[in-house]
Structure formats: C-alpha cells, structure tokens
Amino acid sequence: MTDAPQFEGSYTVAVTPFTDDASAVDTDRLKAFLDWQLETGVLGIIMLGTTGEFITLSREERRTVVETTVQHIDGRIPVLIGTMNASTAIAVEQSVEAAEAGADGLMILPPYYYTPTDDEIYRYYEAITDAVSVPIMLYNNPVTSNVDMSAALVARLAKAFPNVSYIKESSQSIPRVGEVLELAGDDIVVYAGEQLVDSYALGARGYVNPYGNYIPRASAGMYRLLSEGRVDEARHIDSLIHTFDAIIAEGHPTYGHQCYSKELARRAGYPVGPVRAPLTTFAQLGAEGEEKIERILKVTAEIDDYAVQIGL
C-alpha cells in the first residue's frame, strides 16, 4: 500500500445533480448536496460512480463535476472519482484529469462490455497506474460490468501496483471479502459494496453506499458503530436498509438506486434533478413510484429516528 491518503469508513457514492430538465450539471445543487454530506458526518464522497450516472456525462460535464467537488470540499473529506471506461485510453485520460484536478483517489471498474480476460484487465490497470500515483479503489461489480474479478486477480493487481490499494467489493458474495484479504493481505483494504455488517466481520474496513444520498447521517454512522463494537445497533440499521432495498428492487431493475436516490434526496430537501435517459425517471413511474416512495419513506424515517436515538 502507498503512503498516500488512507481511506476508512462509510463513503457516499453520490448522485450527479442535474437541472430540472437534466440538460446540464447543476453546480449550485451539487454544492448544496455536498454541504449536506459534510454536515451529517459523511467521511468521504465518491463522484461519477454507478449512482452518479457516469456513462451519461460528456467530457466537459465530467470536468465540471470533478472540479466543483474538489474545490468545494477543499480537503475536508476525501474525494474519489470514478474514471472507468471500456476504452483503456479514455480511462487513462479521465484518471489523469481527475488526479490533476486534486482528487484524493480514483474508483475504477475493469473495462466493461468486452468481458475481458484477466490479462486484459491487468494491462488496463497497468496503463492507469503508469499514468497516476493517487490511490486506486478497484470496483468489482459484475452485475453492471459483466466482469467478476476473482480474489486471485485482485491480489495480483494489488501486489503488482502499489497504488491499487482498495477495492469496493460488490460481487454479492460476502465470503469474497475474506478471500480477497487472505490472498492480498496488507496490500489492499476492502470496502463493502453491500451488507456492511457481515463484510466488516470478515475484515472490510469501509463502506461505499448509495444510501448517503438520502440518509447520510445513518449511513455514515454505521461504520462508526461497528468500530465502537456496537454491532447490534449497526445491524438494526442494516436490516432496515435491506427492507427498503427490497422495495426499490421490485419491478424493472434500471430504475433502481439512481431514480429513487434522486427522488429521496429531493424529499429530504436537496433537489438534484431527474435521472438521464435511458433510465426511467421518477415522474415516469407514476402511481407505482408514489406508492413505493411512501413505503420507503416510512422506513427511512424510522432509520433517521433511530440514528438520533442512539446518538449518531
């Protein structure tokens, strides 16, 4: 692992705030959203991940998001930027731009769509690490990328490239956390992409989650609870998250966390605009969306009340 900034705790993988017609990035909304994250104790922010609709942004819009976030956060918490692309050359360009803009780290999926071999994935990260020295968080999310990086491959990358020092593990296989740590050892820190409590028990030391977009105090506090040995309290919040996760997952999968994260942020007082096509907007859901959001809000209100009750 490098001597660069050390990341630990619960990080929000953030939405990208747009104008009401989704035609442009709304920097005023972005700054207000970031202030909310800071006020509620979020320990790190990740922009341009899956929840941030990174595929839909132009190169100039990416620059706007990165520069606005880095300048507004101003070193108060770590800022990581998603710089993945199916093209190695573009991933390298985006990584260099983010690092030069002042990002503290990068979160990078393997090249998607092509279903690359392990050697192709290795060369992709090799090209990126040749170009930047900031810490890199691998992002293993086979549901969206169609690539499942094995524990052996993760260990190979971590041992070969000193700044490949983190992974967001979202394979939906909780035992994978332990497998990665067994093979990679101190060369990598695992961030859970889901089921934080069980992942923490296996050695995860962080949490990358979309829930900070609408319940930031509770989502940020979960890791703190675990680090203080308050496992039952953390598990109670986790179980409530699973309850509304199941509601979000009902129906067509493409209007999942992005759509509901944005609507729930708006209901919390932080409008961030709609999602961009081809994702289904909340307005397009009609009565179905309204029925679901009311069910979700009952659970998030319970989570917020509990967070206050236990002193988060």
C-alpha atoms as a PDB file:
ATOM      1  CA  MET A   1       0.000   0.000   0.000  1.00  0.00           C
ATOM      2  CA  THR A   2       1.191   3.531  -0.777  1.00  0.00           C
ATOM      3  CA  ASP A   3       1.944   6.268   1.735  1.00  0.00           C
ATOM      4  CA  ALA A   4      -0.846   8.338   0.144  1.00  0.00           C
ATOM      5  CA  PRO A   5      -4.066   9.316   1.982  1.00  0.00           C
ATOM      6  CA  GLN A   6      -5.649   6.461   3.917  1.00  0.00           C
ATOM      7  CA  PHE A   7      -9.364   5.859   3.439  1.00  0.00           C
ATOM      8  CA  GLU A   8     -11.640   4.276   6.027  1.00  0.00           C
ATOM      9  CA  GLY A   9     -15.315   4.480   6.948  1.00  0.00           C
ATOM     10  CA  SER A  10     -18.625   4.942   5.136  1.00  0.00           C
ATOM     11  CA  TYR A  11     -18.437   6.860   1.853  1.00  0.00           C
ATOM     12  CA  THR A  12     -21.406   8.115  -0.171  1.00  0.00           C
ATOM     13  CA  VAL A  13     -21.333   7.165  -3.838  1.00  0.00           C
ATOM     14  CA  ALA A  14     -23.166  10.267  -4.915  1.00  0.00           C
ATOM     15  CA  VAL A  15     -25.772  11.195  -7.469  1.00  0.00           C
ATOM     16  CA  THR A  16     -24.882  13.776 -10.101  1.00  0.00           C
ATOM     17  CA  PRO A  17     -27.181  16.795  -9.647  1.00  0.00           C
ATOM     18  CA  PHE A  18     -28.788  17.978 -12.880  1.00  0.00           C
ATOM     19  CA  THR A  19     -31.095  20.821 -13.799  1.00  0.00           C
ATOM     20  CA  ASP A  20     -34.808  20.020 -13.779  1.00  0.00           C
ATOM     21  CA  ASP A  21     -34.738  19.013 -17.441  1.00  0.00           C
ATOM     22  CA  ALA A  22     -31.498  17.004 -16.972  1.00  0.00           C
ATOM     23  CA  SER A  23     -29.848  19.038 -19.731  1.00  0.00           C
ATOM     24  CA  ALA A  24     -26.881  20.157 -17.631  1.00  0.00           C
ATOM     25  CA  VAL A  25     -24.988  19.599 -14.397  1.00  0.00           C
ATOM     26  CA  ASP A  26     -26.345  21.947 -11.714  1.00  0.00           C
ATOM     27  CA  THR A  27     -23.338  23.158  -9.727  1.00  0.00           C
ATOM     28  CA  ASP A  28     -25.404  25.076  -7.171  1.00  0.00           C
ATOM     29  CA  ARG A  29     -27.328  21.902  -6.344  1.00  0.00           C
ATOM     30  CA  LEU A  30     -24.079  19.971  -6.232  1.00  0.00           C
ATOM     31  CA  LYS A  31     -22.561  22.370  -3.696  1.00  0.00           C
ATOM     32  CA  ALA A  32     -25.679  22.293  -1.507  1.00  0.00           C
ATOM     33  CA  PHE A  33     -25.684  18.498  -1.642  1.00  0.00           C
ATOM     34  CA  LEU A  34     -22.003  18.368  -0.661  1.00  0.00           C
ATOM     35  CA  ASP A  35     -22.632  20.724   2.268  1.00  0.00           C
ATOM     36  CA  TRP A  36     -25.350  18.347   3.480  1.00  0.00           C
ATOM     37  CA  GLN A  37     -22.923  15.440   3.303  1.00  0.00           C
ATOM     38  CA  LEU A  38     -20.374  17.342   5.374  1.00  0.00           C
ATOM     39  CA  GLU A  39     -22.945  18.494   7.947  1.00  0.00           C
ATOM     40  CA  THR A  40     -24.169  14.943   8.541  1.00  0.00           C
ATOM     41  CA  GLY A  41     -20.723  13.456   9.125  1.00  0.00           C
ATOM     42  CA  VAL A  42     -20.098  11.638   5.850  1.00  0.00           C
ATOM     43  CA  LEU A  43     -16.444  10.577   5.867  1.00  0.00           C
ATOM     44  CA  GLY A  44     -15.819  10.532   2.113  1.00  0.00           C
ATOM     45  CA  ILE A  45     -17.554  11.222  -1.180  1.00  0.00           C
ATOM     46  CA  ILE A  46     -17.295   9.340  -4.462  1.00  0.00           C
ATOM     47  CA  MET A  47     -18.457  11.097  -7.611  1.00  0.00           C
ATOM     48  CA  LEU A  48     -19.167   9.596 -11.041  1.00  0.00           C
ATOM     49  CA  GLY A  49     -19.831   6.069  -9.873  1.00  0.00           C
ATOM     50  CA  THR A  50     -22.767   3.941 -10.997  1.00  0.00           C
ATOM     51  CA  THR A  51     -25.176   6.009  -8.905  1.00  0.00           C
ATOM     52  CA  GLY A  52     -23.650   9.143 -10.445  1.00  0.00           C
ATOM     53  CA  GLU A  53     -24.722   8.077 -13.963  1.00  0.00           C
ATOM     54  CA  PHE A  54     -21.131   8.432 -15.172  1.00  0.00           C
ATOM     55  CA  ILE A  55     -21.875   6.968 -18.604  1.00  0.00           C
ATOM     56  CA  THR A  56     -24.319   9.784 -19.452  1.00  0.00           C
ATOM     57  CA  LEU A  57     -21.955  12.706 -18.851  1.00  0.00           C
ATOM     58  CA  SER A  58     -19.930  14.485 -21.520  1.00  0.00           C
ATOM     59  CA  ARG A  59     -16.219  15.035 -21.018  1.00  0.00           C
ATOM     60  CA  GLU A  60     -16.829  18.687 -20.158  1.00  0.00           C
ATOM     61  CA  GLU A  61     -19.560  17.773 -17.686  1.00  0.00           C
ATOM     62  CA  ARG A  62     -17.188  15.328 -16.017  1.00  0.00           C
ATOM     63  CA  ARG A  63     -14.647  18.116 -15.590  1.00  0.00           C
ATOM     64  CA  THR A  64     -17.334  20.335 -14.089  1.00  0.00           C
ATOM     65  CA  VAL A  65     -18.339  17.697 -11.530  1.00  0.00           C
ATOM     66  CA  VAL A  66     -14.754  16.884 -10.571  1.00  0.00           C
ATOM     67  CA  GLU A  67     -13.521  20.460 -10.300  1.00  0.00           C
ATOM     68  CA  THR A  68     -16.602  21.706  -8.450  1.00  0.00           C
ATOM     69  CA  THR A  69     -16.473  18.835  -5.957  1.00  0.00           C
ATOM     70  CA  VAL A  70     -12.753  19.060  -5.253  1.00  0.00           C
ATOM     71  CA  GLN A  71     -12.816  22.841  -4.870  1.00  0.00           C
ATOM     72  CA  HIS A  72     -15.945  22.892  -2.710  1.00  0.00           C
ATOM     73  CA  ILE A  73     -14.883  20.061  -0.405  1.00  0.00           C
ATOM     74  CA  ASP A  74     -11.482  21.751  -0.112  1.00  0.00           C
ATOM     75  CA  GLY A  75      -9.756  18.873   1.650  1.00  0.00           C
ATOM     76  CA  ARG A  76     -12.331  18.428   4.404  1.00  0.00           C
ATOM     77  CA  ILE A  77     -13.042  14.797   3.455  1.00  0.00           C
ATOM     78  CA  PRO A  78     -11.538  12.543   0.790  1.00  0.00           C
ATOM     79  CA  VAL A  79     -12.910  12.897  -2.730  1.00  0.00           C
ATOM     80  CA  LEU A  80     -12.732   9.869  -5.023  1.00  0.00           C
ATOM     81  CA  ILE A  81     -13.697   9.973  -8.681  1.00  0.00           C
ATOM     82  CA  GLY A  82     -14.950   7.165 -10.898  1.00  0.00           C
ATOM     83  CA  THR A  83     -12.753   7.139 -14.013  1.00  0.00           C
ATOM     84  CA  MET A  84     -13.654   3.796 -15.596  1.00  0.00           C
ATOM     85  CA  ASN A  85     -14.258   3.304 -19.284  1.00  0.00           C
ATOM     86  CA  ALA A  86     -14.459   0.435 -21.746  1.00  0.00           C
ATOM     87  CA  SER A  87     -11.533   2.116 -23.539  1.00  0.00           C
ATOM     88  CA  THR A  88      -8.193   1.937 -21.758  1.00  0.00           C
ATOM     89  CA  ALA A  89      -7.046   5.181 -23.388  1.00  0.00           C
ATOM     90  CA  ILE A  90     -10.113   7.085 -22.199  1.00  0.00           C
ATOM     91  CA  ALA A  91      -9.862   5.588 -18.695  1.00  0.00           C
ATOM     92  CA  VAL A  92      -6.248   6.783 -18.537  1.00  0.00           C
ATOM     93  CA  GLU A  93      -7.196  10.287 -19.751  1.00  0.00           C
ATOM     94  CA  GLN A  94     -10.016  10.574 -17.227  1.00  0.00           C
ATOM     95  CA  SER A  95      -7.792   9.298 -14.419  1.00  0.00           C
ATOM     96  CA  VAL A  96      -5.074  11.831 -15.206  1.00  0.00           C
ATOM     97  CA  GLU A  97      -7.614  14.671 -15.388  1.00  0.00           C
ATOM     98  CA  ALA A  98      -9.153  13.726 -12.027  1.00  0.00           C
ATOM     99  CA  ALA A  99      -5.764  13.400 -10.340  1.00  0.00           C
ATOM    100  CA  GLU A 100      -4.577  16.714 -11.748  1.00  0.00           C
ATOM    101  CA  ALA A 101      -7.808  18.378 -10.545  1.00  0.00           C
ATOM    102  CA  GLY A 102      -6.975  17.312  -6.994  1.00  0.00           C
ATOM    103  CA  ALA A 103      -8.949  14.101  -6.442  1.00  0.00           C
ATOM    104  CA  ASP A 104      -7.668  12.130  -3.464  1.00  0.00           C
ATOM    105  CA  GLY A 105      -8.277   8.801  -5.167  1.00  0.00           C
ATOM    106  CA  LEU A 106      -9.982   7.019  -8.054  1.00  0.00           C
ATOM    107  CA  MET A 107     -12.597   4.278  -8.141  1.00  0.00           C
ATOM    108  CA  ILE A 108     -12.265   2.188 -11.295  1.00  0.00           C
ATOM    109  CA  LEU A 109     -14.286  -0.682 -12.727  1.00  0.00           C
ATOM    110  CA  PRO A 110     -12.493  -3.080 -15.065  1.00  0.00           C
ATOM    111  CA  PRO A 111     -13.243  -2.448 -18.762  1.00  0.00           C
ATOM    112  CA  TYR A 112     -16.895  -3.309 -19.221  1.00  0.00           C
ATOM    113  CA  TYR A 113     -18.854  -4.644 -22.229  1.00  0.00           C
ATOM    114  CA  TYR A 114     -15.951  -6.648 -23.702  1.00  0.00           C
ATOM    115  CA  THR A 115     -15.861  -9.298 -20.940  1.00  0.00           C
ATOM    116  CA  PRO A 116     -12.058  -9.049 -20.789  1.00  0.00           C
ATOM    117  CA  THR A 117      -9.618 -11.740 -19.728  1.00  0.00           C
ATOM    118  CA  ASP A 118      -7.563 -11.404 -16.567  1.00  0.00           C
ATOM    119  CA  ASP A 119      -4.531 -10.359 -18.605  1.00  0.00           C
ATOM    120  CA  GLU A 120      -6.545  -7.688 -20.417  1.00  0.00           C
ATOM    121  CA  ILE A 121      -7.785  -6.372 -17.086  1.00  0.00           C
ATOM    122  CA  TYR A 122      -4.221  -6.405 -15.760  1.00  0.00           C
ATOM    123  CA  ARG A 123      -2.946  -4.337 -18.708  1.00  0.00           C
ATOM    124  CA  TYR A 124      -5.837  -1.875 -18.299  1.00  0.00           C
ATOM    125  CA  TYR A 125      -4.925  -1.147 -14.678  1.00  0.00           C
ATOM    126  CA  GLU A 126      -1.237  -1.184 -15.554  1.00  0.00           C
ATOM    127  CA  ALA A 127      -1.784   1.624 -18.059  1.00  0.00           C
ATOM    128  CA  ILE A 128      -3.694   3.658 -15.470  1.00  0.00           C
ATOM    129  CA  THR A 129      -1.137   3.133 -12.700  1.00  0.00           C
ATOM    130  CA  ASP A 130       1.642   4.122 -15.098  1.00  0.00           C
ATOM    131  CA  ALA A 131      -0.125   7.460 -15.539  1.00  0.00           C
ATOM    132  CA  VAL A 132      -1.266   8.356 -11.974  1.00  0.00           C
ATOM    133  CA  SER A 133       0.084   7.914  -8.461  1.00  0.00           C
ATOM    134  CA  VAL A 134      -3.074   8.586  -6.394  1.00  0.00           C
ATOM    135  CA  PRO A 135      -4.698   5.612  -4.611  1.00  0.00           C
ATOM    136  CA  ILE A 136      -6.946   3.454  -6.755  1.00  0.00           C
ATOM    137  CA  MET A 137     -10.019   1.648  -5.479  1.00  0.00           C
ATOM    138  CA  LEU A 138     -10.849  -1.317  -7.688  1.00  0.00           C
ATOM    139  CA  TYR A 139     -14.579  -1.635  -8.244  1.00  0.00           C
ATOM    140  CA  ASN A 140     -15.857  -5.165  -8.606  1.00  0.00           C
ATOM    141  CA  ASN A 141     -19.495  -5.043  -9.674  1.00  0.00           C
ATOM    142  CA  PRO A 142     -20.266  -7.909 -12.065  1.00  0.00           C
ATOM    143  CA  VAL A 143     -23.972  -7.044 -12.120  1.00  0.00           C
ATOM    144  CA  THR A 144     -23.260  -3.879 -14.109  1.00  0.00           C
ATOM    145  CA  SER A 145     -19.853  -4.549 -15.679  1.00  0.00           C
ATOM    146  CA  ASN A 146     -20.291  -8.199 -16.702  1.00  0.00           C
ATOM    147  CA  VAL A 147     -16.857  -8.802 -15.171  1.00  0.00           C
ATOM    148  CA  ASP A 148     -16.239 -10.551 -11.852  1.00  0.00           C
ATOM    149  CA  MET A 149     -12.676 -10.017 -10.690  1.00  0.00           C
ATOM    150  CA  SER A 150     -11.620 -13.076  -8.704  1.00  0.00           C
ATOM    151  CA  ALA A 151      -9.827 -12.790  -5.376  1.00  0.00           C
ATOM    152  CA  ALA A 152      -6.717 -14.108  -7.107  1.00  0.00           C
ATOM    153  CA  LEU A 153      -6.850 -11.361  -9.743  1.00  0.00           C
ATOM    154  CA  VAL A 154      -7.447  -8.675  -7.130  1.00  0.00           C
ATOM    155  CA  ALA A 155      -4.422  -9.903  -5.172  1.00  0.00           C
ATOM    156  CA  ARG A 156      -2.348  -9.952  -8.357  1.00  0.00           C
ATOM    157  CA  LEU A 157      -3.241  -6.338  -9.101  1.00  0.00           C
ATOM    158  CA  ALA A 158      -2.675  -5.169  -5.535  1.00  0.00           C
ATOM    159  CA  LYS A 159       0.744  -6.797  -5.334  1.00  0.00           C
ATOM    160  CA  ALA A 160       1.841  -5.537  -8.766  1.00  0.00           C
ATOM    161  CA  PHE A 161       0.720  -1.918  -8.430  1.00  0.00           C
ATOM    162  CA  PRO A 162       1.367  -0.114  -5.112  1.00  0.00           C
ATOM    163  CA  ASN A 163      -1.407   2.451  -5.608  1.00  0.00           C
ATOM    164  CA  VAL A 164      -4.009  -0.258  -6.218  1.00  0.00           C
ATOM    165  CA  SER A 165      -4.731  -0.327  -2.513  1.00  0.00           C
ATOM    166  CA  TYR A 166      -8.529  -0.519  -2.119  1.00  0.00           C
ATOM    167  CA  ILE A 167     -11.465  -2.422  -3.549  1.00  0.00           C
ATOM    168  CA  LYS A 168     -15.191  -1.843  -3.482  1.00  0.00           C
ATOM    169  CA  GLU A 169     -16.396  -5.442  -3.413  1.00  0.00           C
ATOM    170  CA  SER A 170     -19.911  -5.705  -4.846  1.00  0.00           C
ATOM    171  CA  SER A 171     -19.941  -9.235  -6.215  1.00  0.00           C
ATOM    172  CA  GLN A 172     -22.875 -10.114  -3.901  1.00  0.00           C
ATOM    173  CA  SER A 173     -20.692 -12.864  -2.430  1.00  0.00           C
ATOM    174  CA  ILE A 174     -19.907 -11.888   1.134  1.00  0.00           C
ATOM    175  CA  PRO A 175     -17.267 -14.642   1.562  1.00  0.00           C
ATOM    176  CA  ARG A 176     -15.309 -12.890  -1.210  1.00  0.00           C
ATOM    177  CA  VAL A 177     -14.237 -10.256   1.327  1.00  0.00           C
ATOM    178  CA  GLY A 178     -12.337 -12.859   3.302  1.00  0.00           C
ATOM    179  CA  GLU A 179     -10.959 -14.487   0.158  1.00  0.00           C
ATOM    180  CA  VAL A 180      -9.527 -11.183  -1.088  1.00  0.00           C
ATOM    181  CA  LEU A 181      -7.912 -10.422   2.257  1.00  0.00           C
ATOM    182  CA  GLU A 182      -6.497 -13.932   2.545  1.00  0.00           C
ATOM    183  CA  LEU A 183      -4.728 -13.605  -0.804  1.00  0.00           C
ATOM    184  CA  ALA A 184      -3.899  -9.884  -0.871  1.00  0.00           C
ATOM    185  CA  GLY A 185      -3.214  -9.341   2.816  1.00  0.00           C
ATOM    186  CA  ASP A 186      -1.995  -5.873   3.732  1.00  0.00           C
ATOM    187  CA  ASP A 187      -1.740  -4.868   0.078  1.00  0.00           C
ATOM    188  CA  ILE A 188      -5.429  -3.974  -0.043  1.00  0.00           C
ATOM    189  CA  VAL A 189      -8.261  -2.565   2.063  1.00  0.00           C
ATOM    190  CA  VAL A 190     -11.719  -3.910   1.324  1.00  0.00           C
ATOM    191  CA  TYR A 191     -14.707  -1.599   1.161  1.00  0.00           C
ATOM    192  CA  ALA A 192     -18.053  -3.358   1.272  1.00  0.00           C
ATOM    193  CA  GLY A 193     -20.431  -2.563  -1.541  1.00  0.00           C
ATOM    194  CA  GLU A 194     -23.324  -4.149   0.344  1.00  0.00           C
ATOM    195  CA  GLN A 195     -24.137  -5.900   3.636  1.00  0.00           C
ATOM    196  CA  LEU A 196     -21.676  -3.900   5.681  1.00  0.00           C
ATOM    197  CA  VAL A 197     -22.080  -5.732   8.993  1.00  0.00           C
ATOM    198  CA  ASP A 198     -21.308  -9.171   7.597  1.00  0.00           C
ATOM    199  CA  SER A 199     -18.498  -7.779   5.449  1.00  0.00           C
ATOM    200  CA  TYR A 200     -16.981  -5.980   8.448  1.00  0.00           C
ATOM    201  CA  ALA A 201     -16.896  -9.245  10.375  1.00  0.00           C
ATOM    202  CA  LEU A 202     -14.727 -10.670   7.584  1.00  0.00           C
ATOM    203  CA  GLY A 203     -12.339  -7.720   7.576  1.00  0.00           C
ATOM    204  CA  ALA A 204     -13.893  -4.945   5.451  1.00  0.00           C
ATOM    205  CA  ARG A 205     -12.789  -1.521   6.652  1.00  0.00           C
ATOM    206  CA  GLY A 206     -15.126   0.702   4.732  1.00  0.00           C
ATOM    207  CA  TYR A 207     -18.483   1.016   3.042  1.00  0.00           C
ATOM    208  CA  VAL A 208     -19.305   2.533  -0.348  1.00  0.00           C
ATOM    209  CA  ASN A 209     -23.056   3.020  -0.498  1.00  0.00           C
ATOM    210  CA  PRO A 210     -25.819   4.993  -2.255  1.00  0.00           C
ATOM    211  CA  TYR A 211     -27.792   5.455   0.965  1.00  0.00           C
ATOM    212  CA  GLY A 212     -25.817   8.568   1.868  1.00  0.00           C
ATOM    213  CA  ASN A 213     -27.789  10.312  -0.858  1.00  0.00           C
ATOM    214  CA  TYR A 214     -30.847  10.346   1.392  1.00  0.00           C
ATOM    215  CA  ILE A 215     -29.970   9.012   4.877  1.00  0.00           C
ATOM    216  CA  PRO A 216     -26.396  10.327   5.154  1.00  0.00           C
ATOM    217  CA  ARG A 217     -26.206  10.514   8.942  1.00  0.00           C
ATOM    218  CA  ALA A 218     -27.219   6.897   9.447  1.00  0.00           C
ATOM    219  CA  SER A 219     -25.208   5.508   6.543  1.00  0.00           C
ATOM    220  CA  ALA A 220     -22.096   7.374   7.663  1.00  0.00           C
ATOM    221  CA  GLY A 221     -22.660   6.295  11.255  1.00  0.00           C
ATOM    222  CA  MET A 222     -22.868   2.570  10.566  1.00  0.00           C
ATOM    223  CA  TYR A 223     -19.125   2.136  10.275  1.00  0.00           C
ATOM    224  CA  ARG A 224     -18.586   4.204  13.393  1.00  0.00           C
ATOM    225  CA  LEU A 225     -20.955   1.908  15.287  1.00  0.00           C
ATOM    226  CA  LEU A 226     -19.038  -1.154  14.132  1.00  0.00           C
ATOM    227  CA  SER A 227     -15.671   0.350  15.011  1.00  0.00           C
ATOM    228  CA  GLU A 228     -17.020   1.042  18.511  1.00  0.00           C
ATOM    229  CA  GLY A 229     -18.256  -2.534  18.890  1.00  0.00           C
ATOM    230  CA  ARG A 230     -21.928  -1.533  18.658  1.00  0.00           C
ATOM    231  CA  VAL A 231     -22.719  -4.342  16.269  1.00  0.00           C
ATOM    232  CA  ASP A 232     -26.386  -4.816  17.202  1.00  0.00           C
ATOM    233  CA  GLU A 233     -27.160  -1.156  16.542  1.00  0.00           C
ATOM    234  CA  ALA A 234     -25.368  -1.271  13.188  1.00  0.00           C
ATOM    235  CA  ARG A 235     -27.184  -4.471  12.271  1.00  0.00           C
ATOM    236  CA  HIS A 236     -30.541  -2.900  13.093  1.00  0.00           C
ATOM    237  CA  ILE A 237     -29.880  -0.065  10.646  1.00  0.00           C
ATOM    238  CA  ASP A 238     -28.597  -2.579   8.093  1.00  0.00           C
ATOM    239  CA  SER A 239     -31.773  -4.636   8.396  1.00  0.00           C
ATOM    240  CA  LEU A 240     -33.935  -1.577   7.812  1.00  0.00           C
ATOM    241  CA  ILE A 241     -31.845  -0.714   4.749  1.00  0.00           C
ATOM    242  CA  HIS A 242     -32.495  -4.215   3.414  1.00  0.00           C
ATOM    243  CA  THR A 243     -36.214  -3.572   3.904  1.00  0.00           C
ATOM    244  CA  PHE A 244     -36.354  -0.557   1.615  1.00  0.00           C
ATOM    245  CA  ASP A 245     -33.748  -2.058  -0.727  1.00  0.00           C
ATOM    246  CA  ALA A 246     -36.260  -4.799  -1.439  1.00  0.00           C
ATOM    247  CA  ILE A 247     -38.892  -2.190  -2.295  1.00  0.00           C
ATOM    248  CA  ILE A 248     -36.507  -0.407  -4.683  1.00  0.00           C
ATOM    249  CA  ALA A 249     -35.573  -3.696  -6.338  1.00  0.00           C
ATOM    250  CA  GLU A 250     -39.184  -4.520  -7.260  1.00  0.00           C
ATOM    251  CA  GLY A 251     -40.021  -4.115 -10.936  1.00  0.00           C
ATOM    252  CA  HIS A 252     -37.705  -3.055 -13.752  1.00  0.00           C
ATOM    253  CA  PRO A 253     -34.098  -3.024 -12.481  1.00  0.00           C
ATOM    254  CA  THR A 254     -32.944   0.004 -14.490  1.00  0.00           C
ATOM    255  CA  TYR A 255     -34.935   2.452 -12.391  1.00  0.00           C
ATOM    256  CA  GLY A 256     -33.288   1.346  -9.185  1.00  0.00           C
ATOM    257  CA  HIS A 257     -30.992   3.322  -6.950  1.00  0.00           C
ATOM    258  CA  GLN A 258     -30.326   6.235  -9.291  1.00  0.00           C
ATOM    259  CA  CYS A 259     -34.001   7.096  -9.711  1.00  0.00           C
ATOM    260  CA  TYR A 260     -35.015   6.592  -6.090  1.00  0.00           C
ATOM    261  CA  SER A 261     -31.834   8.142  -4.683  1.00  0.00           C
ATOM    262  CA  LYS A 262     -32.612  11.350  -6.535  1.00  0.00           C
ATOM    263  CA  GLU A 263     -36.261  11.442  -5.507  1.00  0.00           C
ATOM    264  CA  LEU A 264     -35.440  10.655  -1.885  1.00  0.00           C
ATOM    265  CA  ALA A 265     -32.775  13.383  -1.839  1.00  0.00           C
ATOM    266  CA  ARG A 266     -35.409  15.815  -3.123  1.00  0.00           C
ATOM    267  CA  ARG A 267     -37.839  14.731  -0.404  1.00  0.00           C
ATOM    268  CA  ALA A 268     -35.097  15.354   2.152  1.00  0.00           C
ATOM    269  CA  GLY A 269     -34.802  18.945   0.933  1.00  0.00           C
ATOM    270  CA  TYR A 270     -31.970  18.590  -1.570  1.00  0.00           C
ATOM    271  CA  PRO A 271     -33.315  18.568  -5.142  1.00  0.00           C
ATOM    272  CA  VAL A 272     -30.844  17.049  -7.583  1.00  0.00           C
ATOM    273  CA  GLY A 273     -32.914  16.795 -10.753  1.00  0.00           C
ATOM    274  CA  PRO A 274     -34.044  13.642 -12.569  1.00  0.00           C
ATOM    275  CA  VAL A 275     -32.027  10.766 -13.966  1.00  0.00           C
ATOM    276  CA  ARG A 276     -30.995  10.848 -17.609  1.00  0.00           C
ATOM    277  CA  ALA A 277     -32.259   8.547 -20.334  1.00  0.00           C
ATOM    278  CA  PRO A 278     -32.339   5.649 -20.798  1.00  0.00           C
ATOM    279  CA  LEU A 279     -33.083   5.352 -17.074  1.00  0.00           C
ATOM    280  CA  THR A 280     -36.716   5.716 -16.048  1.00  0.00           C
ATOM    281  CA  THR A 281     -37.378   8.966 -14.208  1.00  0.00           C
ATOM    282  CA  PHE A 282     -39.428   9.048 -11.045  1.00  0.00           C
ATOM    283  CA  ALA A 283     -42.125  11.054 -12.825  1.00  0.00           C
ATOM    284  CA  GLN A 284     -42.406   8.304 -15.452  1.00  0.00           C
ATOM    285  CA  LEU A 285     -43.169   5.751 -12.744  1.00  0.00           C
ATOM    286  CA  GLY A 286     -46.452   7.462 -11.976  1.00  0.00           C
ATOM    287  CA  ALA A 287     -48.635   5.802  -9.343  1.00  0.00           C
ATOM    288  CA  GLU A 288     -46.197   2.926  -8.902  1.00  0.00           C
ATOM    289  CA  GLY A 289     -43.438   5.310  -7.880  1.00  0.00           C
ATOM    290  CA  GLU A 290     -45.621   7.258  -5.485  1.00  0.00           C
ATOM    291  CA  GLU A 291     -46.794   4.072  -3.774  1.00  0.00           C
ATOM    292  CA  LYS A 292     -43.248   2.791  -3.403  1.00  0.00           C
ATOM    293  CA  ILE A 293     -41.777   6.072  -2.232  1.00  0.00           C
ATOM    294  CA  GLU A 294     -44.316   6.308   0.583  1.00  0.00           C
ATOM    295  CA  ARG A 295     -43.343   2.827   1.746  1.00  0.00           C
ATOM    296  CA  ILE A 296     -39.654   3.698   1.540  1.00  0.00           C
ATOM    297  CA  LEU A 297     -40.097   6.992   3.387  1.00  0.00           C
ATOM    298  CA  LYS A 298     -41.671   5.200   6.343  1.00  0.00           C
ATOM    299  CA  VAL A 299     -38.545   3.071   6.646  1.00  0.00           C
ATOM    300  CA  THR A 300     -36.073   5.937   6.152  1.00  0.00           C
ATOM    301  CA  ALA A 301     -37.942   7.964   8.777  1.00  0.00           C
ATOM    302  CA  GLU A 302     -37.573   5.051  11.167  1.00  0.00           C
ATOM    303  CA  ILE A 303     -33.851   4.915  10.394  1.00  0.00           C
ATOM    304  CA  ASP A 304     -33.437   8.664  10.955  1.00  0.00           C
ATOM    305  CA  ASP A 305     -35.308   8.482  14.261  1.00  0.00           C
ATOM    306  CA  TYR A 306     -33.181   5.560  15.379  1.00  0.00           C
ATOM    307  CA  ALA A 307     -29.978   7.367  14.411  1.00  0.00           C
ATOM    308  CA  VAL A 308     -30.972  10.276  16.642  1.00  0.00           C
ATOM    309  CA  GLN A 309     -31.987   7.905  19.436  1.00  0.00           C
ATOM    310  CA  ILE A 310     -28.589   6.207  19.534  1.00  0.00           C
ATOM    311  CA  GLY A 311     -26.626   9.431  19.195  1.00  0.00           C
ATOM    312  CA  LEU A 312     -25.384   9.338  15.617  1.00  0.00           C
END
